[in-house]
């Protein structure tokens, strides 16, 4: 299996930064590993929302518009709104399930440190900085690529032909 690094070819920034508290710094140094948080544990409920998900939302109507076509019957508007509410709940459940299955570690790609992040972490915060290319190299070298099937029934998705 081939290692594939997505969306990194055009990156020009020299460093990756991780701003953290003293507890997270100690954990990083003790474990020599990167902590991955599940996306549904973030305060921002829109973490991991993708353009397709946003596109789905723009067609939903939760109330009759002020400039609604007067030729459309009230019952039809009620039907449209009810279907939109059902679809919104479906999308919300889909996003929640997706967030429960995805884990991230938040780093900042930049040539300089972020004053905004220092404001967030204040005087008790710390920053770890790696040269981006070195960071990518140590991540790549630390991950053992899977070569066998992960499917319980013995089936697996065939590797891509790139």
N, C-alpha and C. Protein backbone atom coordinates (compact mmCIF):
# COMPACT_ATOMS: atom_id res chain seq x y z
N UNK A 1 0.85 -1.18 0.00
CA UNK A 1 0.00 0.00 0.00
C UNK A 1 0.89 1.24 0.00
N UNK A 2 0.49 2.23 -0.74
CA UNK A 2 1.28 3.45 -0.90
C UNK A 2 0.80 4.53 0.06
N UNK A 3 1.73 5.24 0.67
CA UNK A 3 1.38 6.39 1.52
C UNK A 3 0.93 7.52 0.61
N UNK A 4 -0.19 8.14 0.92
CA UNK A 4 -0.69 9.22 0.10
C UNK A 4 -0.90 10.44 0.99
N UNK A 5 -0.23 11.52 0.68
CA UNK A 5 -0.37 12.76 1.44
C UNK A 5 -1.27 13.67 0.64
N UNK A 6 -2.44 13.94 1.19
CA UNK A 6 -3.44 14.74 0.48
C UNK A 6 -3.25 16.23 0.73
N UNK A 7 -3.46 17.00 -0.30
CA UNK A 7 -3.51 18.47 -0.21
C UNK A 7 -2.25 19.09 0.40
N UNK A 8 -1.10 18.55 0.13
CA UNK A 8 0.12 19.13 0.69
C UNK A 8 1.08 19.64 -0.37
N UNK A 9 0.81 19.37 -1.61
CA UNK A 9 1.75 19.72 -2.67
C UNK A 9 1.99 21.23 -2.82
N UNK A 10 0.94 22.04 -2.60
CA UNK A 10 1.09 23.49 -2.80
C UNK A 10 1.39 24.25 -1.51
N UNK A 11 1.59 23.56 -0.42
CA UNK A 11 1.85 24.24 0.85
C UNK A 11 3.23 24.89 0.81
N UNK A 12 3.28 26.16 1.17
CA UNK A 12 4.56 26.87 1.17
C UNK A 12 5.00 27.27 2.58
N UNK A 13 4.07 27.22 3.54
CA UNK A 13 4.43 27.62 4.91
C UNK A 13 5.51 26.71 5.46
N UNK A 14 6.39 27.30 6.25
CA UNK A 14 7.57 26.57 6.72
C UNK A 14 7.32 25.78 8.00
N UNK A 15 6.39 26.23 8.85
CA UNK A 15 6.23 25.61 10.17
C UNK A 15 4.81 25.12 10.43
N UNK A 16 4.72 24.15 11.36
CA UNK A 16 3.44 23.79 11.96
C UNK A 16 3.57 24.08 13.45
N UNK A 17 2.51 24.66 14.00
CA UNK A 17 2.47 25.05 15.41
C UNK A 17 1.34 24.33 16.11
N UNK A 18 1.57 24.03 17.37
CA UNK A 18 0.52 23.49 18.23
C UNK A 18 0.57 24.28 19.53
N UNK A 19 -0.52 25.01 19.80
CA UNK A 19 -0.64 25.79 21.03
C UNK A 19 -1.36 24.93 22.04
N UNK A 20 -0.81 24.87 23.27
CA UNK A 20 -1.41 23.99 24.25
C UNK A 20 -1.17 24.45 25.68
N UNK A 21 -1.93 23.83 26.57
CA UNK A 21 -1.78 24.12 27.99
C UNK A 21 -0.62 23.30 28.55
N UNK A 22 -0.24 23.58 29.78
CA UNK A 22 0.86 22.84 30.42
C UNK A 22 0.53 21.35 30.53
N UNK A 23 -0.73 21.03 30.83
CA UNK A 23 -1.13 19.62 30.95
C UNK A 23 -0.96 18.89 29.62
N UNK A 24 -1.38 19.53 28.53
CA UNK A 24 -1.25 18.91 27.20
C UNK A 24 0.22 18.80 26.78
N UNK A 25 1.03 19.80 27.17
CA UNK A 25 2.45 19.74 26.86
C UNK A 25 3.12 18.58 27.59
N UNK A 26 2.82 18.42 28.87
CA UNK A 26 3.39 17.32 29.65
C UNK A 26 2.97 15.98 29.06
N UNK A 27 1.69 15.86 28.67
CA UNK A 27 1.20 14.63 28.06
C UNK A 27 1.93 14.34 26.75
N UNK A 28 2.13 15.37 25.94
CA UNK A 28 2.84 15.22 24.67
C UNK A 28 4.27 14.73 24.90
N UNK A 29 4.95 15.31 25.88
CA UNK A 29 6.33 14.93 26.16
C UNK A 29 6.42 13.54 26.80
N UNK A 30 5.47 13.22 27.70
CA UNK A 30 5.48 11.91 28.36
C UNK A 30 5.16 10.77 27.41
N UNK A 31 4.16 10.97 26.56
CA UNK A 31 3.71 9.88 25.70
C UNK A 31 4.41 9.83 24.35
N UNK A 32 5.07 10.94 23.99
CA UNK A 32 5.72 11.04 22.69
C UNK A 32 4.73 10.72 21.57
N UNK A 33 3.50 11.19 21.76
CA UNK A 33 2.47 10.93 20.76
C UNK A 33 1.53 12.13 20.66
N UNK A 34 0.79 12.15 19.58
CA UNK A 34 -0.16 13.23 19.31
C UNK A 34 -1.55 12.77 19.76
N UNK A 35 -2.20 13.56 20.58
CA UNK A 35 -3.55 13.28 21.03
C UNK A 35 -4.54 13.60 19.92
N UNK A 36 -5.45 12.69 19.67
CA UNK A 36 -6.49 12.90 18.68
C UNK A 36 -7.84 13.00 19.40
N UNK A 37 -8.54 14.11 19.17
CA UNK A 37 -9.84 14.33 19.79
C UNK A 37 -10.95 13.97 18.81
N UNK A 38 -12.00 13.37 19.33
CA UNK A 38 -13.16 13.07 18.50
C UNK A 38 -13.88 14.37 18.18
N UNK A 39 -14.30 14.53 16.94
CA UNK A 39 -14.88 15.80 16.50
C UNK A 39 -16.15 16.20 17.24
N UNK A 40 -16.90 15.24 17.74
CA UNK A 40 -18.13 15.59 18.45
C UNK A 40 -17.86 16.13 19.85
N UNK A 41 -16.60 16.14 20.28
CA UNK A 41 -16.26 16.71 21.58
C UNK A 41 -15.89 18.19 21.49
N UNK A 42 -15.81 18.73 20.28
CA UNK A 42 -15.49 20.14 20.09
C UNK A 42 -16.71 21.01 20.40
N UNK A 43 -16.47 22.24 20.82
CA UNK A 43 -17.56 23.17 21.10
C UNK A 43 -18.30 23.58 19.83
N UNK A 44 -17.60 23.63 18.72
CA UNK A 44 -18.19 24.06 17.45
C UNK A 44 -18.93 22.89 16.81
N UNK A 45 -20.25 22.97 16.78
CA UNK A 45 -21.06 21.89 16.21
C UNK A 45 -20.89 21.74 14.70
N UNK A 46 -20.25 22.71 14.08
CA UNK A 46 -20.04 22.65 12.64
C UNK A 46 -18.68 22.06 12.26
N UNK A 47 -17.93 21.58 13.26
CA UNK A 47 -16.66 20.93 12.93
C UNK A 47 -16.93 19.76 11.99
N UNK A 48 -16.16 19.69 10.94
CA UNK A 48 -16.22 18.61 9.96
C UNK A 48 -17.35 18.77 8.96
N UNK A 49 -18.08 19.88 9.01
CA UNK A 49 -19.12 20.08 7.99
C UNK A 49 -18.41 20.38 6.67
N UNK A 50 -18.90 19.76 5.62
CA UNK A 50 -18.26 19.88 4.32
C UNK A 50 -19.13 20.70 3.38
N UNK A 51 -18.55 21.19 2.29
CA UNK A 51 -19.34 22.00 1.34
C UNK A 51 -20.63 21.31 0.89
N UNK A 52 -20.58 20.00 0.67
CA UNK A 52 -21.79 19.29 0.27
C UNK A 52 -22.87 19.41 1.33
N UNK A 53 -22.47 19.29 2.61
CA UNK A 53 -23.44 19.39 3.71
C UNK A 53 -24.08 20.78 3.74
N UNK A 54 -23.29 21.81 3.52
CA UNK A 54 -23.80 23.18 3.50
C UNK A 54 -24.75 23.36 2.32
N UNK A 55 -24.39 22.78 1.18
CA UNK A 55 -25.23 22.87 -0.01
C UNK A 55 -26.61 22.24 0.26
N UNK A 56 -26.63 21.14 1.00
CA UNK A 56 -27.89 20.50 1.36
C UNK A 56 -28.76 21.43 2.20
N UNK A 57 -28.15 22.21 3.06
CA UNK A 57 -28.90 23.08 3.97
C UNK A 57 -29.55 24.26 3.26
N UNK A 58 -28.93 24.73 2.20
CA UNK A 58 -29.43 25.97 1.58
C UNK A 58 -30.78 25.81 0.89
N UNK A 59 -31.22 24.58 0.66
CA UNK A 59 -32.51 24.36 0.02
C UNK A 59 -33.64 24.10 1.01
N UNK A 60 -33.32 24.15 2.30
CA UNK A 60 -34.34 23.90 3.31
C UNK A 60 -35.05 25.20 3.68
N UNK A 61 -36.35 25.11 3.91
CA UNK A 61 -37.15 26.27 4.28
C UNK A 61 -37.86 25.96 5.59
N UNK A 62 -37.54 26.72 6.64
CA UNK A 62 -38.14 26.46 7.95
C UNK A 62 -39.27 27.42 8.28
N UNK A 63 -39.51 28.37 7.41
CA UNK A 63 -40.65 29.28 7.58
C UNK A 63 -41.03 29.83 6.21
N UNK A 64 -42.27 30.26 6.12
CA UNK A 64 -42.75 30.81 4.86
C UNK A 64 -42.09 32.17 4.63
N UNK A 65 -41.47 32.37 3.48
CA UNK A 65 -40.81 33.66 3.21
C UNK A 65 -41.81 34.81 3.17
N UNK A 66 -41.35 35.99 3.56
CA UNK A 66 -42.21 37.18 3.53
C UNK A 66 -42.68 37.49 2.12
N UNK A 67 -41.81 37.24 1.15
CA UNK A 67 -42.17 37.54 -0.24
C UNK A 67 -42.62 36.28 -0.98
N UNK A 68 -43.30 35.37 -0.25
CA UNK A 68 -43.74 34.10 -0.84
C UNK A 68 -44.74 34.33 -1.96
N UNK A 69 -44.68 33.47 -2.92
CA UNK A 69 -45.61 33.52 -4.04
C UNK A 69 -47.04 33.33 -3.50
N UNK A 70 -47.92 34.29 -3.72
CA UNK A 70 -49.28 34.19 -3.19
C UNK A 70 -50.10 33.08 -3.87
N UNK A 71 -49.62 32.56 -4.99
CA UNK A 71 -50.34 31.49 -5.70
C UNK A 71 -50.13 30.12 -5.03
N UNK A 72 -49.13 30.04 -4.14
CA UNK A 72 -48.86 28.76 -3.47
C UNK A 72 -49.75 28.67 -2.23
N UNK A 73 -50.50 27.58 -2.16
CA UNK A 73 -51.44 27.39 -1.05
C UNK A 73 -50.70 27.24 0.28
N UNK A 74 -51.35 27.69 1.34
CA UNK A 74 -50.79 27.61 2.70
C UNK A 74 -50.45 26.17 3.08
N UNK A 75 -51.30 25.24 2.68
CA UNK A 75 -51.07 23.83 3.01
C UNK A 75 -49.78 23.32 2.34
N UNK A 76 -49.50 23.80 1.14
CA UNK A 76 -48.26 23.40 0.46
C UNK A 76 -47.05 23.95 1.21
N UNK A 77 -47.14 25.21 1.68
CA UNK A 77 -46.03 25.77 2.47
C UNK A 77 -45.81 24.96 3.74
N UNK A 78 -46.89 24.57 4.40
CA UNK A 78 -46.77 23.76 5.62
C UNK A 78 -46.09 22.43 5.31
N UNK A 79 -46.42 21.84 4.17
CA UNK A 79 -45.82 20.59 3.75
C UNK A 79 -44.32 20.77 3.47
N UNK A 80 -43.98 21.83 2.76
CA UNK A 80 -42.57 22.13 2.45
C UNK A 80 -41.78 22.32 3.75
N UNK A 81 -42.33 23.07 4.68
CA UNK A 81 -41.65 23.35 5.96
C UNK A 81 -41.49 22.06 6.76
N UNK A 82 -42.50 21.23 6.80
CA UNK A 82 -42.42 19.97 7.55
C UNK A 82 -41.36 19.04 6.95
N UNK A 83 -41.33 18.94 5.63
CA UNK A 83 -40.31 18.11 4.96
C UNK A 83 -38.90 18.68 5.20
N UNK A 84 -38.78 20.00 5.23
CA UNK A 84 -37.49 20.62 5.50
C UNK A 84 -37.02 20.31 6.92
N UNK A 85 -37.93 20.33 7.88
CA UNK A 85 -37.57 20.00 9.27
C UNK A 85 -37.09 18.56 9.39
N UNK A 86 -37.79 17.66 8.70
CA UNK A 86 -37.40 16.24 8.71
C UNK A 86 -36.01 16.09 8.10
N UNK A 87 -35.78 16.74 6.96
CA UNK A 87 -34.47 16.66 6.28
C UNK A 87 -33.37 17.27 7.14
N UNK A 88 -33.67 18.38 7.81
CA UNK A 88 -32.69 19.02 8.69
C UNK A 88 -32.29 18.06 9.82
N UNK A 89 -33.25 17.37 10.40
CA UNK A 89 -32.95 16.39 11.45
C UNK A 89 -32.10 15.25 10.90
N UNK A 90 -32.40 14.80 9.68
CA UNK A 90 -31.60 13.74 9.07
C UNK A 90 -30.15 14.19 8.86
N UNK A 91 -29.97 15.40 8.38
CA UNK A 91 -28.63 15.94 8.16
C UNK A 91 -27.90 16.08 9.48
N UNK A 92 -28.59 16.57 10.50
CA UNK A 92 -27.98 16.72 11.83
C UNK A 92 -27.52 15.37 12.37
N UNK A 93 -28.35 14.35 12.26
CA UNK A 93 -27.97 13.02 12.74
C UNK A 93 -26.77 12.47 11.95
N UNK A 94 -26.78 12.70 10.66
CA UNK A 94 -25.66 12.27 9.81
C UNK A 94 -24.37 12.94 10.25
N UNK A 95 -24.41 14.25 10.49
CA UNK A 95 -23.21 14.98 10.92
C UNK A 95 -22.74 14.51 12.29
N UNK A 96 -23.66 14.26 13.20
CA UNK A 96 -23.29 13.78 14.53
C UNK A 96 -22.59 12.43 14.43
N UNK A 97 -23.15 11.54 13.63
CA UNK A 97 -22.53 10.22 13.46
C UNK A 97 -21.16 10.33 12.82
N UNK A 98 -21.03 11.21 11.83
CA UNK A 98 -19.74 11.42 11.16
C UNK A 98 -18.72 11.97 12.16
N UNK A 99 -19.15 12.90 13.00
CA UNK A 99 -18.25 13.49 13.99
C UNK A 99 -17.79 12.45 15.01
N UNK A 100 -18.62 11.50 15.34
CA UNK A 100 -18.26 10.47 16.32
C UNK A 100 -17.20 9.51 15.78
N UNK A 101 -17.04 9.48 14.47
CA UNK A 101 -16.12 8.53 13.84
C UNK A 101 -14.83 9.17 13.35
N UNK A 102 -14.70 10.47 13.51
CA UNK A 102 -13.50 11.16 13.01
C UNK A 102 -12.75 11.81 14.16
N UNK A 103 -11.44 11.69 14.10
CA UNK A 103 -10.56 12.20 15.13
C UNK A 103 -9.56 13.16 14.51
N UNK A 104 -9.22 14.22 15.24
CA UNK A 104 -8.30 15.22 14.71
C UNK A 104 -7.33 15.69 15.79
N UNK A 105 -6.25 16.25 15.33
CA UNK A 105 -5.32 16.98 16.16
C UNK A 105 -5.12 18.32 15.46
N UNK A 106 -5.36 19.40 16.16
CA UNK A 106 -5.37 20.72 15.54
C UNK A 106 -4.00 21.39 15.62
N UNK A 107 -3.43 21.63 14.46
CA UNK A 107 -2.16 22.31 14.32
C UNK A 107 -2.36 23.49 13.39
N UNK A 108 -1.49 24.47 13.48
CA UNK A 108 -1.58 25.64 12.62
C UNK A 108 -0.38 25.66 11.69
N UNK A 109 -0.66 25.86 10.42
CA UNK A 109 0.35 25.93 9.39
C UNK A 109 0.63 27.40 9.12
N UNK A 110 1.87 27.84 9.38
CA UNK A 110 2.17 29.26 9.22
C UNK A 110 3.69 29.47 9.19
N UNK A 111 4.06 30.65 8.73
CA UNK A 111 5.48 31.03 8.79
C UNK A 111 5.80 31.76 10.08
N UNK A 112 4.76 32.23 10.77
CA UNK A 112 4.94 32.99 12.02
C UNK A 112 3.94 32.51 13.07
N UNK A 113 4.25 32.79 14.33
CA UNK A 113 3.33 32.43 15.41
C UNK A 113 2.06 33.28 15.33
N UNK A 114 1.00 32.78 15.96
CA UNK A 114 -0.30 33.44 15.91
C UNK A 114 -0.58 34.22 17.20
N UNK A 115 -0.75 35.54 17.06
CA UNK A 115 -1.10 36.35 18.23
C UNK A 115 -2.47 35.95 18.77
N UNK A 116 -3.38 35.57 17.88
CA UNK A 116 -4.72 35.15 18.29
C UNK A 116 -4.67 33.91 19.17
N UNK A 117 -3.80 32.97 18.82
CA UNK A 117 -3.68 31.75 19.64
C UNK A 117 -3.03 32.07 20.98
N UNK A 118 -2.08 33.01 20.99
CA UNK A 118 -1.49 33.40 22.26
C UNK A 118 -2.54 34.06 23.15
N UNK A 119 -3.45 34.83 22.54
CA UNK A 119 -4.55 35.42 23.31
C UNK A 119 -5.42 34.33 23.93
N UNK A 120 -5.64 33.26 23.17
CA UNK A 120 -6.48 32.15 23.66
C UNK A 120 -5.80 31.41 24.80
N UNK A 121 -4.51 31.13 24.66
CA UNK A 121 -3.82 30.33 25.67
C UNK A 121 -3.17 31.17 26.76
N UNK A 122 -3.05 32.45 26.54
CA UNK A 122 -2.59 33.36 27.57
C UNK A 122 -1.21 33.06 28.11
N UNK A 123 -0.99 33.52 29.32
CA UNK A 123 0.34 33.37 29.95
C UNK A 123 0.65 31.94 30.35
N UNK A 124 -0.38 31.10 30.48
CA UNK A 124 -0.13 29.71 30.89
C UNK A 124 0.05 28.78 29.70
N UNK A 125 0.04 29.33 28.47
CA UNK A 125 0.12 28.50 27.28
C UNK A 125 1.54 28.26 26.80
N UNK A 126 1.67 27.26 25.96
CA UNK A 126 2.95 26.90 25.36
C UNK A 126 2.72 26.67 23.87
N UNK A 127 3.80 26.70 23.12
CA UNK A 127 3.71 26.40 21.70
C UNK A 127 4.81 25.40 21.34
N UNK A 128 4.43 24.46 20.49
CA UNK A 128 5.40 23.52 19.91
C UNK A 128 5.49 23.91 18.44
N UNK A 129 6.70 23.98 17.93
CA UNK A 129 6.89 24.33 16.52
C UNK A 129 7.81 23.32 15.86
N UNK A 130 7.37 22.83 14.71
CA UNK A 130 8.19 21.93 13.90
C UNK A 130 8.30 22.53 12.51
N UNK A 131 9.43 22.27 11.86
CA UNK A 131 9.49 22.57 10.43
C UNK A 131 8.52 21.62 9.76
N UNK A 132 7.69 22.14 8.88
CA UNK A 132 6.61 21.36 8.28
C UNK A 132 7.10 20.08 7.61
N UNK A 133 8.14 20.16 6.81
CA UNK A 133 8.61 18.98 6.09
C UNK A 133 9.11 17.90 7.06
N UNK A 134 9.79 18.33 8.12
CA UNK A 134 10.26 17.38 9.14
C UNK A 134 9.06 16.75 9.86
N UNK A 135 8.07 17.56 10.19
CA UNK A 135 6.87 17.08 10.87
C UNK A 135 6.15 16.04 10.01
N UNK A 136 5.98 16.34 8.73
CA UNK A 136 5.34 15.38 7.83
C UNK A 136 6.14 14.08 7.76
N UNK A 137 7.46 14.21 7.75
CA UNK A 137 8.33 13.03 7.67
C UNK A 137 8.18 12.16 8.91
N UNK A 138 8.20 12.76 10.10
CA UNK A 138 8.11 11.92 11.31
C UNK A 138 6.72 11.30 11.46
N UNK A 139 5.68 12.01 11.01
CA UNK A 139 4.34 11.43 11.04
C UNK A 139 4.28 10.24 10.09
N UNK A 140 4.76 10.45 8.88
CA UNK A 140 4.72 9.40 7.86
C UNK A 140 5.50 8.16 8.33
N UNK A 141 6.66 8.38 8.93
CA UNK A 141 7.50 7.26 9.36
C UNK A 141 6.95 6.56 10.60
N UNK A 142 6.09 7.23 11.36
CA UNK A 142 5.58 6.63 12.60
C UNK A 142 4.34 5.78 12.38
N UNK A 143 3.74 5.86 11.20
CA UNK A 143 2.50 5.14 10.94
C UNK A 143 2.79 3.89 10.13
N UNK A 144 2.36 2.75 10.65
CA UNK A 144 2.49 1.51 9.92
C UNK A 144 1.30 1.40 8.99
N UNK A 145 1.58 1.29 7.71
CA UNK A 145 0.49 1.19 6.74
C UNK A 145 -0.11 -0.21 6.79
N UNK A 146 -1.41 -0.25 6.73
CA UNK A 146 -2.13 -1.50 6.77
C UNK A 146 -2.06 -2.19 5.42
N UNK A 147 -1.82 -3.48 5.43
CA UNK A 147 -1.73 -4.20 4.16
C UNK A 147 -2.85 -5.22 3.99
N UNK A 148 -3.51 -5.61 5.09
CA UNK A 148 -4.57 -6.62 4.99
C UNK A 148 -5.95 -6.00 5.07
N UNK A 149 -6.93 -6.86 5.01
CA UNK A 149 -8.33 -6.45 5.05
C UNK A 149 -8.73 -6.03 6.46
N UNK A 150 -9.59 -5.03 6.56
CA UNK A 150 -10.15 -4.64 7.85
C UNK A 150 -11.59 -5.09 7.99
N UNK A 151 -12.16 -5.56 6.91
CA UNK A 151 -13.56 -5.96 6.93
C UNK A 151 -13.73 -7.25 7.74
N UNK A 152 -14.76 -7.31 8.58
CA UNK A 152 -15.00 -8.49 9.41
C UNK A 152 -15.43 -9.68 8.56
N UNK A 153 -16.06 -9.41 7.44
CA UNK A 153 -16.55 -10.50 6.59
C UNK A 153 -15.52 -10.93 5.55
N UNK A 154 -14.33 -10.35 5.61
CA UNK A 154 -13.28 -10.75 4.68
C UNK A 154 -13.24 -9.93 3.41
N UNK A 155 -14.22 -9.09 3.17
CA UNK A 155 -14.22 -8.26 1.98
C UNK A 155 -13.55 -6.93 2.29
N UNK A 156 -12.91 -6.38 1.33
CA UNK A 156 -12.33 -5.06 1.51
C UNK A 156 -12.44 -4.28 0.21
N UNK A 157 -12.32 -3.00 0.33
CA UNK A 157 -12.36 -2.14 -0.84
C UNK A 157 -11.01 -2.24 -1.53
N UNK A 158 -11.00 -2.53 -2.82
CA UNK A 158 -9.71 -2.66 -3.50
C UNK A 158 -8.96 -1.33 -3.52
N UNK A 159 -7.63 -1.37 -3.44
CA UNK A 159 -6.86 -0.12 -3.45
C UNK A 159 -7.03 0.60 -4.78
N UNK A 160 -6.88 1.90 -4.74
CA UNK A 160 -7.01 2.69 -5.98
C UNK A 160 -5.80 2.40 -6.87
N UNK A 161 -5.99 2.69 -8.14
CA UNK A 161 -4.96 2.36 -9.13
C UNK A 161 -3.95 3.48 -9.33
N UNK A 162 -3.85 4.46 -8.40
CA UNK A 162 -2.86 5.52 -8.62
C UNK A 162 -1.56 5.07 -8.16
